Structures are given as C-alpha cells and as structure tokens.
Amino acid sequence: MNSLWYFKDVNLFNILCPHKFEQYKECHEFDAYKKRDYIYFEEDSANKVYLIDSGKVKLGYYTEDGEEVVKSILSKGELFGEKAILGEEKRNEFAQSVDNSTSICSIAVDTMHDLMRGNETFTLKIYKFIGFRIKKLERRLQLLLFKDTKTRLLEFLKELCEEYGYECNKTGEHVIKHPYTQKDIASLIGTSRPTLNIIMNELKEASIIDFNRKEIRFLN
C-alpha cells in the first residue's frame, strides 16, 4: 500500500539543513515569510534549494489566462526547488507561503552539490526523492485532465492515506491525519471549496468517509 516506502516518516530538513554540517553552520540563516509572500517567481534564477522548517508552501504556475494552477502544497520537513540540482536555470513555477509564520532554510545549489559529492547514500536519497516527486506530479496532472471532481477527490484521499494514514487497531478503518485545510485540498484537486464540501458530505452520507478538521476516516 505504501508507495512512499523510501520517504515515509523521513523529515528531509533533519537530513539536509546546513545547520547539521559544521562547515556551513555559522554562515547559515533561516528566512521568514508571511502568508502570500513569494519565495520565488516563475522565471527567477534557479540557484537554490529550499527546506521547510515550519509552515506551508504552495507550488504552482499561472496559465496564459492568468488562472492559478496549484501543483502541490508542502509542509514541515519537505524540500522544494529541487530541479535546480539537476541543472534547471530558470524556475517554471512559483513558490508562495501559505502560513503567516513560514520559516525556510535555503541552500545554494553549489552547497548541495558539495554535500552530495562523495556521499553515495545521501545522493541516492536525493535522486529517489526527485523521481518520486515527478511521478506524483504526473499522476495529479492526469487526474486533473481526465477525471471528474468526485474521482479526483477519492484518488487524492487514497494518496493521502498512503502518505499520512494508518490502520486503526480497534475498528480496522484507515485514518488520515494530514496537514491540509479544505481550501488546500480544493486547490490541489482543481475545484472550489463549496464544491469540495458538497462532495465530502455526499461521501459521508454514503458511509464511505467520516471527517473533521484534523482527520479523515475511510469507513469499512
């Protein structure tokens, strides 16, 4: 069930932050962002990789009509801007703070390459993470293009179950404790919050799921 076999319960911040490495510790600082602040824009130079110390960050892009498309919403311990490691020179997405107290650890690409050089295990983790992120994005875009809203929601909930879920010993139900608000979920599946509420309540009435602000349960 768990396609996140390599990164389940792994906080990449704890592995990659320069504070963990003596030679970078003294010259390293954290950057603070308020809600709706941009970490970078489309077409900005891709010369850094970013780790989330606290808060949440939204990644996305704008269509020619100015419509915002949300690719992912990331939380504490996650990495973004990672394509710079592979040689990306210009950003093809924006990164924006979702919370009022987002703290970001930025790492220069040259520093990241230094950390990867001569450390095979570390490098393997990074490349596996990038590969997984690409597959996850491809799957989400396919859902947005070819599936109806209800199917997109159910597939997204299954993905959340793989990433954040566990089986309740007493009931056998799968419980999802996740970091997303309903607004976040609506953005990620390409629908409005009112439409999401309607479908969530339909699934609840059909005894498929139960939910509150902190968790979602797949009912037996």
Protein backbone atom coordinates (compact mmCIF):
# COMPACT_ATOMS: atom_id res chain seq x y z
CA MET A 1 0.00 0.00 0.00
CA ASN A 2 2.75 2.45 0.83
CA SER A 3 4.35 3.78 -2.35
CA LEU A 4 6.32 6.24 -0.20
CA TRP A 5 8.50 3.41 1.09
CA TYR A 6 11.66 5.46 0.92
CA PHE A 7 10.49 8.70 2.49
CA LYS A 8 7.75 7.69 4.91
CA ASP A 9 8.38 9.40 8.26
CA VAL A 10 11.56 10.98 6.90
CA ASN A 11 11.98 14.69 7.61
CA LEU A 12 14.34 15.88 4.87
CA PHE A 13 15.01 19.06 6.85
CA ASN A 14 16.73 16.94 9.52
CA ILE A 15 18.94 15.35 6.86
CA LEU A 16 19.82 18.29 4.62
CA CYS A 17 19.78 21.51 6.62
CA PRO A 18 23.28 23.08 6.65
CA HIS A 19 22.95 23.52 10.43
CA LYS A 20 23.62 19.77 10.56
CA PHE A 21 27.02 20.27 8.95
CA GLU A 22 29.75 22.02 10.93
CA GLN A 23 31.38 23.71 7.92
CA TYR A 24 28.14 25.54 7.00
CA LYS A 25 26.62 26.13 10.42
CA GLU A 26 27.99 29.61 11.22
CA CYS A 27 27.11 31.26 7.90
CA HIS A 28 23.62 29.79 7.59
CA GLU A 29 20.38 31.66 8.31
CA PHE A 30 16.65 30.98 8.11
CA ASP A 31 14.27 33.13 6.06
CA ALA A 32 10.84 34.11 7.43
CA TYR A 33 7.75 34.59 5.24
CA LYS A 34 4.23 35.83 5.88
CA LYS A 35 1.09 34.47 4.26
CA ARG A 36 1.04 35.10 0.47
CA ASP A 37 4.74 36.10 0.41
CA TYR A 38 6.57 34.59 -2.58
CA ILE A 39 9.76 32.63 -2.05
CA TYR A 40 10.39 32.76 -5.80
CA PHE A 41 8.53 33.53 -9.02
CA GLU A 42 8.37 31.89 -12.41
CA GLU A 43 11.44 32.77 -14.48
CA ASP A 44 13.56 33.53 -11.38
CA SER A 45 17.08 32.12 -11.39
CA ALA A 46 17.18 28.58 -10.02
CA ASN A 47 20.25 28.80 -7.82
CA LYS A 48 18.90 27.49 -4.50
CA VAL A 49 17.09 24.53 -2.99
CA TYR A 50 14.66 25.09 -0.11
CA LEU A 51 13.68 23.16 3.02
CA ILE A 52 10.63 23.97 5.14
CA ASP A 53 11.43 24.45 8.82
CA SER A 54 7.85 25.44 9.71
CA GLY A 55 4.66 26.49 7.94
CA LYS A 56 3.41 25.53 4.49
CA VAL A 57 4.41 26.44 0.92
CA LYS A 58 2.30 26.33 -2.23
CA LEU A 59 3.87 25.50 -5.60
CA GLY A 60 2.09 26.35 -8.84
CA TYR A 61 2.02 28.31 -12.06
CA TYR A 62 -0.27 30.65 -13.99
CA THR A 63 -1.92 29.84 -17.31
CA GLU A 64 -1.95 32.30 -20.22
CA ASP A 65 -5.40 33.42 -18.99
CA GLY A 66 -3.96 34.23 -15.57
CA GLU A 67 -5.58 31.25 -13.86
CA GLU A 68 -3.61 29.79 -10.96
CA VAL A 69 -2.84 26.07 -11.09
CA VAL A 70 -1.67 24.57 -7.78
CA LYS A 71 0.81 21.72 -8.21
CA SER A 72 1.40 20.88 -4.56
CA ILE A 73 1.24 22.20 -1.01
CA LEU A 74 4.21 21.24 1.15
CA SER A 75 4.72 21.31 4.90
CA LYS A 76 7.43 21.00 7.57
CA GLY A 77 10.42 18.87 6.61
CA GLU A 78 9.79 18.91 2.85
CA LEU A 79 12.09 20.01 0.03
CA PHE A 80 11.26 22.18 -3.00
CA GLY A 81 13.10 23.89 -5.83
CA GLU A 82 14.98 20.61 -6.22
CA LYS A 83 15.13 20.72 -10.04
CA ALA A 84 17.97 23.24 -9.62
CA ILE A 85 20.11 20.27 -8.54
CA LEU A 86 19.56 18.74 -11.99
CA GLY A 87 20.64 21.88 -13.84
CA GLU A 88 17.41 23.90 -14.12
CA GLU A 89 18.43 27.53 -14.71
CA LYS A 90 15.03 29.29 -14.57
CA ARG A 91 12.04 28.46 -12.39
CA ASN A 92 8.96 27.15 -14.21
CA GLU A 93 6.74 27.56 -11.15
CA PHE A 94 6.18 29.92 -8.24
CA ALA A 95 6.59 29.13 -4.55
CA GLN A 96 4.38 31.03 -2.10
CA SER A 97 3.98 30.91 1.67
CA VAL A 98 0.56 29.69 2.82
CA ASP A 99 1.04 30.45 6.52
CA ASN A 100 1.83 33.62 8.46
CA SER A 101 4.89 32.08 10.11
CA THR A 102 6.69 30.08 7.44
CA SER A 103 10.40 29.51 8.06
CA ILE A 104 12.60 28.38 5.18
CA CYS A 105 16.13 27.01 5.07
CA SER A 106 17.67 27.91 1.69
CA ILE A 107 20.66 26.02 0.37
CA ALA A 108 22.78 27.20 -2.56
CA VAL A 109 22.99 24.64 -5.35
CA ASP A 110 26.80 24.66 -5.06
CA THR A 111 26.49 23.78 -1.37
CA MET A 112 24.06 20.98 -2.16
CA HIS A 113 26.47 19.58 -4.75
CA ASP A 114 29.24 19.72 -2.14
CA LEU A 115 27.07 17.73 0.28
CA MET A 116 26.25 15.18 -2.41
CA ARG A 117 29.80 14.82 -3.67
CA GLY A 118 31.43 11.74 -2.22
CA ASN A 119 28.32 10.69 -0.26
CA GLU A 120 26.64 7.99 -2.32
CA THR A 121 23.84 7.21 0.16
CA PHE A 122 22.94 10.87 0.54
CA THR A 123 22.92 11.38 -3.24
CA LEU A 124 20.72 8.31 -3.77
CA LYS A 125 18.15 9.69 -1.31
CA ILE A 126 18.01 12.99 -3.18
CA TYR A 127 17.59 11.41 -6.62
CA LYS A 128 14.95 8.97 -5.37
CA PHE A 129 13.07 11.86 -3.81
CA ILE A 130 13.17 13.86 -7.06
CA GLY A 131 11.97 10.84 -9.03
CA PHE A 132 9.09 10.29 -6.63
CA ARG A 133 8.09 13.97 -6.74
CA ILE A 134 7.95 13.88 -10.56
CA LYS A 135 5.79 10.71 -10.59
CA LYS A 136 3.43 12.20 -8.01
CA LEU A 137 3.02 15.40 -10.05
CA GLU A 138 2.41 13.45 -13.28
CA ARG A 139 -0.31 11.42 -11.56
CA ARG A 140 -2.03 14.54 -10.23
CA LEU A 141 -1.99 16.26 -13.62
CA GLN A 142 -3.53 13.17 -15.25
CA LEU A 143 -6.34 13.26 -12.69
CA LEU A 144 -6.97 16.96 -13.31
CA LEU A 145 -7.14 16.42 -17.07
CA PHE A 146 -9.16 13.23 -17.36
CA LYS A 147 -11.23 12.61 -14.21
CA ASP A 148 -14.38 14.17 -12.74
CA THR A 149 -14.21 16.05 -9.44
CA LYS A 150 -15.51 13.19 -7.27
CA THR A 151 -12.96 10.75 -8.74
CA ARG A 152 -10.18 13.31 -8.29
CA LEU A 153 -11.13 13.70 -4.63
CA LEU A 154 -11.24 9.94 -3.96
CA GLU A 155 -7.88 9.42 -5.67
CA PHE A 156 -6.40 12.29 -3.69
CA LEU A 157 -7.73 10.83 -0.43
CA LYS A 158 -6.17 7.47 -1.31
CA GLU A 159 -2.88 9.28 -1.89
CA LEU A 160 -3.22 11.00 1.49
CA CYS A 161 -3.93 7.62 3.06
CA GLU A 162 -0.65 6.27 1.67
CA GLU A 163 1.28 9.30 2.86
CA TYR A 164 -0.34 10.13 6.21
CA GLY A 165 -2.67 7.23 7.02
CA TYR A 166 -2.63 4.33 9.44
CA GLU A 167 -4.97 1.46 10.26
CA CYS A 168 -6.95 1.80 13.49
CA ASN A 169 -6.39 -1.28 15.66
CA LYS A 170 -9.89 -1.14 17.14
CA THR A 171 -12.00 -0.57 14.02
CA GLY A 172 -9.76 -1.56 11.11
CA GLU A 173 -10.58 1.77 9.47
CA HIS A 174 -7.89 3.76 7.71
CA VAL A 175 -7.34 7.07 9.49
CA ILE A 176 -5.65 10.02 7.76
CA LYS A 177 -4.07 12.73 9.93
CA HIS A 178 -2.92 15.29 7.37
CA PRO A 179 -1.67 18.93 7.28
CA TYR A 180 -4.18 20.26 4.70
CA THR A 181 -7.16 22.56 5.10
CA GLN A 182 -10.26 22.08 2.94
CA LYS A 183 -9.12 25.11 0.94
CA ASP A 184 -5.77 23.37 0.31
CA ILE A 185 -7.48 20.18 -0.86
CA ALA A 186 -9.84 22.11 -3.14
CA SER A 187 -6.87 23.85 -4.77
CA LEU A 188 -4.96 20.60 -5.23
CA ILE A 189 -7.83 18.78 -6.98
CA GLY A 190 -8.82 21.79 -9.09
CA THR A 191 -12.23 22.64 -7.64
CA SER A 192 -13.90 25.22 -5.41
CA ARG A 193 -14.23 24.90 -1.66
CA PRO A 194 -18.09 24.83 -1.79
CA THR A 195 -17.98 22.00 -4.36
CA LEU A 196 -15.50 20.10 -2.20
CA ASN A 197 -17.78 20.48 0.83
CA ILE A 198 -20.73 19.11 -1.13
CA ILE A 199 -18.81 16.04 -2.32
CA MET A 200 -17.25 15.39 1.10
CA ASN A 201 -20.69 15.44 2.69
CA GLU A 202 -22.08 13.13 -0.03
CA LEU A 203 -19.30 10.64 0.72
CA LYS A 204 -20.04 10.98 4.44
CA GLU A 205 -23.77 10.34 3.92
CA ALA A 206 -22.87 7.29 1.82
CA SER A 207 -20.77 6.00 4.76
CA ILE A 208 -17.61 5.99 2.64
CA ILE A 209 -15.73 8.50 4.78
CA ASP A 210 -16.09 10.43 8.00
CA PHE A 211 -14.12 13.58 8.71
CA ASN A 212 -13.42 16.52 10.96
CA ARG A 213 -10.88 19.36 10.81
CA LYS A 214 -7.99 17.15 11.93
CA GLU A 215 -8.59 13.78 10.27
CA ILE A 216 -10.40 11.78 7.59
CA ARG A 217 -11.51 8.17 8.04
CA PHE A 218 -12.22 5.60 5.35
CA LEU A 219 -15.13 3.63 6.82
CA ASN A 220 -15.40 -0.16 6.49
